Amino acid sequence: MYSESTLRKKANAVGYSISKGFVHYLGNGYPIAYREVGYNVIDNLNNINVWGCYNEVYDHLWSLEDVNDFIKSIYQDSNLEF
């Protein structure tokens, strides 16, 4: 698995960016932050989060390993060397 900074560079190279932050519970119209750190992956073309790193209730759900797996799958789908 790559480091966070390397994953950021690899994500940017294929049109994605990585956002690190606390997990937020998005209920009752306002967010509640937990002390657990997680990641969102953003599609730079559409400027929206990739489904899976958030859901109807939480954001920043992915671990660094999840981000690594997602970026790796993008590289594989594009026939690029990861």
C-alpha atoms as a PDB file:
ATOM      1  CA  MET A   1       0.000   0.000   0.000  1.00  0.00           C
ATOM      2  CA  TYR A   2       1.204   3.491  -0.832  1.00  0.00           C
ATOM      3  CA  SER A   3       1.577   6.442   1.545  1.00  0.00           C
ATOM      4  CA  GLU A   4      -1.077   9.147   1.680  1.00  0.00           C
ATOM      5  CA  SER A   5       1.030  11.651  -0.262  1.00  0.00           C
ATOM      6  CA  THR A   6       1.785   9.130  -3.019  1.00  0.00           C
ATOM      7  CA  LEU A   7      -1.893   8.185  -3.262  1.00  0.00           C
ATOM      8  CA  ARG A   8      -2.795  11.869  -3.611  1.00  0.00           C
ATOM      9  CA  LYS A   9      -0.375  12.191  -6.550  1.00  0.00           C
ATOM     10  CA  LYS A  10      -1.627   8.997  -8.176  1.00  0.00           C
ATOM     11  CA  ALA A  11      -5.258  10.082  -7.688  1.00  0.00           C
ATOM     12  CA  ASN A  12      -4.604  13.497  -9.238  1.00  0.00           C
ATOM     13  CA  ALA A  13      -2.947  11.839 -12.228  1.00  0.00           C
ATOM     14  CA  VAL A  14      -6.223  10.045 -13.073  1.00  0.00           C
ATOM     15  CA  GLY A  15      -8.639  12.868 -12.235  1.00  0.00           C
ATOM     16  CA  TYR A  16      -9.440  12.305  -8.569  1.00  0.00           C
ATOM     17  CA  SER A  17      -8.519  14.032  -5.329  1.00  0.00           C
ATOM     18  CA  ILE A  18      -8.461  12.813  -1.747  1.00  0.00           C
ATOM     19  CA  SER A  19      -9.975  14.597   1.234  1.00  0.00           C
ATOM     20  CA  LYS A  20      -8.950  13.601   4.760  1.00  0.00           C
ATOM     21  CA  GLY A  21     -11.207  14.478   7.670  1.00  0.00           C
ATOM     22  CA  PHE A  22     -13.276  13.291  10.576  1.00  0.00           C
ATOM     23  CA  VAL A  23     -16.227  10.989  10.022  1.00  0.00           C
ATOM     24  CA  HIS A  24     -19.425  13.058  10.150  1.00  0.00           C
ATOM     25  CA  TYR A  25     -22.890  11.833  10.990  1.00  0.00           C
ATOM     26  CA  LEU A  26     -25.178  13.754   8.634  1.00  0.00           C
ATOM     27  CA  GLY A  27     -28.424  13.457  10.545  1.00  0.00           C
ATOM     28  CA  ASN A  28     -31.161  15.866  11.574  1.00  0.00           C
ATOM     29  CA  GLY A  29     -29.977  18.547   9.152  1.00  0.00           C
ATOM     30  CA  TYR A  30     -26.578  19.142  10.754  1.00  0.00           C
ATOM     31  CA  PRO A  31     -23.292  17.198  10.894  1.00  0.00           C
ATOM     32  CA  ILE A  32     -21.894  15.646  14.060  1.00  0.00           C
ATOM     33  CA  ALA A  33     -18.150  14.915  13.944  1.00  0.00           C
ATOM     34  CA  TYR A  34     -16.579  11.818  15.441  1.00  0.00           C
ATOM     35  CA  ARG A  35     -12.903  11.529  16.351  1.00  0.00           C
ATOM     36  CA  GLU A  36     -12.359   8.818  13.743  1.00  0.00           C
ATOM     37  CA  VAL A  37     -10.326   9.942  10.724  1.00  0.00           C
ATOM     38  CA  GLY A  38     -11.422   8.840   7.273  1.00  0.00           C
ATOM     39  CA  TYR A  39     -11.130   9.754   3.608  1.00  0.00           C
ATOM     40  CA  ASN A  40     -13.384  10.912   0.793  1.00  0.00           C
ATOM     41  CA  VAL A  41     -12.403  10.553  -2.845  1.00  0.00           C
ATOM     42  CA  ILE A  42     -13.607  13.308  -5.169  1.00  0.00           C
ATOM     43  CA  ASP A  43     -14.105  12.974  -8.920  1.00  0.00           C
ATOM     44  CA  ASN A  44     -12.474  16.172 -10.200  1.00  0.00           C
ATOM     45  CA  LEU A  45     -14.420  16.116 -13.472  1.00  0.00           C
ATOM     46  CA  ASN A  46     -17.791  16.351 -11.696  1.00  0.00           C
ATOM     47  CA  ASN A  47     -16.529  17.705  -8.362  1.00  0.00           C
ATOM     48  CA  ILE A  48     -18.563  15.125  -6.451  1.00  0.00           C
ATOM     49  CA  ASN A  49     -17.629  12.468  -3.921  1.00  0.00           C
ATOM     50  CA  VAL A  50     -17.326   8.885  -5.090  1.00  0.00           C
ATOM     51  CA  TRP A  51     -20.194   6.767  -3.743  1.00  0.00           C
ATOM     52  CA  GLY A  52     -18.933   4.397  -1.078  1.00  0.00           C
ATOM     53  CA  CYS A  53     -16.651   6.844   0.713  1.00  0.00           C
ATOM     54  CA  TYR A  54     -19.908   8.369   1.958  1.00  0.00           C
ATOM     55  CA  ASN A  55     -23.520   7.226   2.201  1.00  0.00           C
ATOM     56  CA  GLU A  56     -26.867   8.683   3.246  1.00  0.00           C
ATOM     57  CA  VAL A  57     -25.727   9.043   6.848  1.00  0.00           C
ATOM     58  CA  TYR A  58     -21.916   9.344   7.046  1.00  0.00           C
ATOM     59  CA  ASP A  59     -18.993  10.821   5.128  1.00  0.00           C
ATOM     60  CA  HIS A  60     -15.226  10.182   5.222  1.00  0.00           C
ATOM     61  CA  LEU A  61     -15.948   6.462   5.556  1.00  0.00           C
ATOM     62  CA  TRP A  62     -12.948   5.039   3.729  1.00  0.00           C
ATOM     63  CA  SER A  63      -9.659   4.055   5.293  1.00  0.00           C
ATOM     64  CA  LEU A  64      -6.386   4.715   3.472  1.00  0.00           C
ATOM     65  CA  GLU A  65      -6.444   1.076   2.363  1.00  0.00           C
ATOM     66  CA  ASP A  66      -9.907   1.584   0.817  1.00  0.00           C
ATOM     67  CA  VAL A  67      -8.601   4.640  -1.042  1.00  0.00           C
ATOM     68  CA  ASN A  68      -5.612   2.617  -2.253  1.00  0.00           C
ATOM     69  CA  ASP A  69      -7.907  -0.128  -3.563  1.00  0.00           C
ATOM     70  CA  PHE A  70     -10.166   2.363  -5.356  1.00  0.00           C
ATOM     71  CA  ILE A  71      -7.317   4.244  -7.045  1.00  0.00           C
ATOM     72  CA  LYS A  72      -5.716   0.923  -7.988  1.00  0.00           C
ATOM     73  CA  SER A  73      -8.980  -0.178  -9.642  1.00  0.00           C
ATOM     74  CA  ILE A  74      -9.095   3.077 -11.650  1.00  0.00           C
ATOM     75  CA  TYR A  75      -5.555   2.441 -12.872  1.00  0.00           C
ATOM     76  CA  GLN A  76      -6.406  -1.154 -13.791  1.00  0.00           C
ATOM     77  CA  ASP A  77      -9.593  -0.111 -15.632  1.00  0.00           C
ATOM     78  CA  SER A  78      -7.512   2.399 -17.612  1.00  0.00           C
ATOM     79  CA  ASN A  79      -4.756  -0.155 -18.332  1.00  0.00           C
ATOM     80  CA  LEU A  80      -2.200   1.983 -16.492  1.00  0.00           C
ATOM     81  CA  GLU A  81       0.582   0.712 -14.268  1.00  0.00           C
ATOM     82  CA  PHE A  82      -0.162   1.301 -10.595  1.00  0.00           C
END
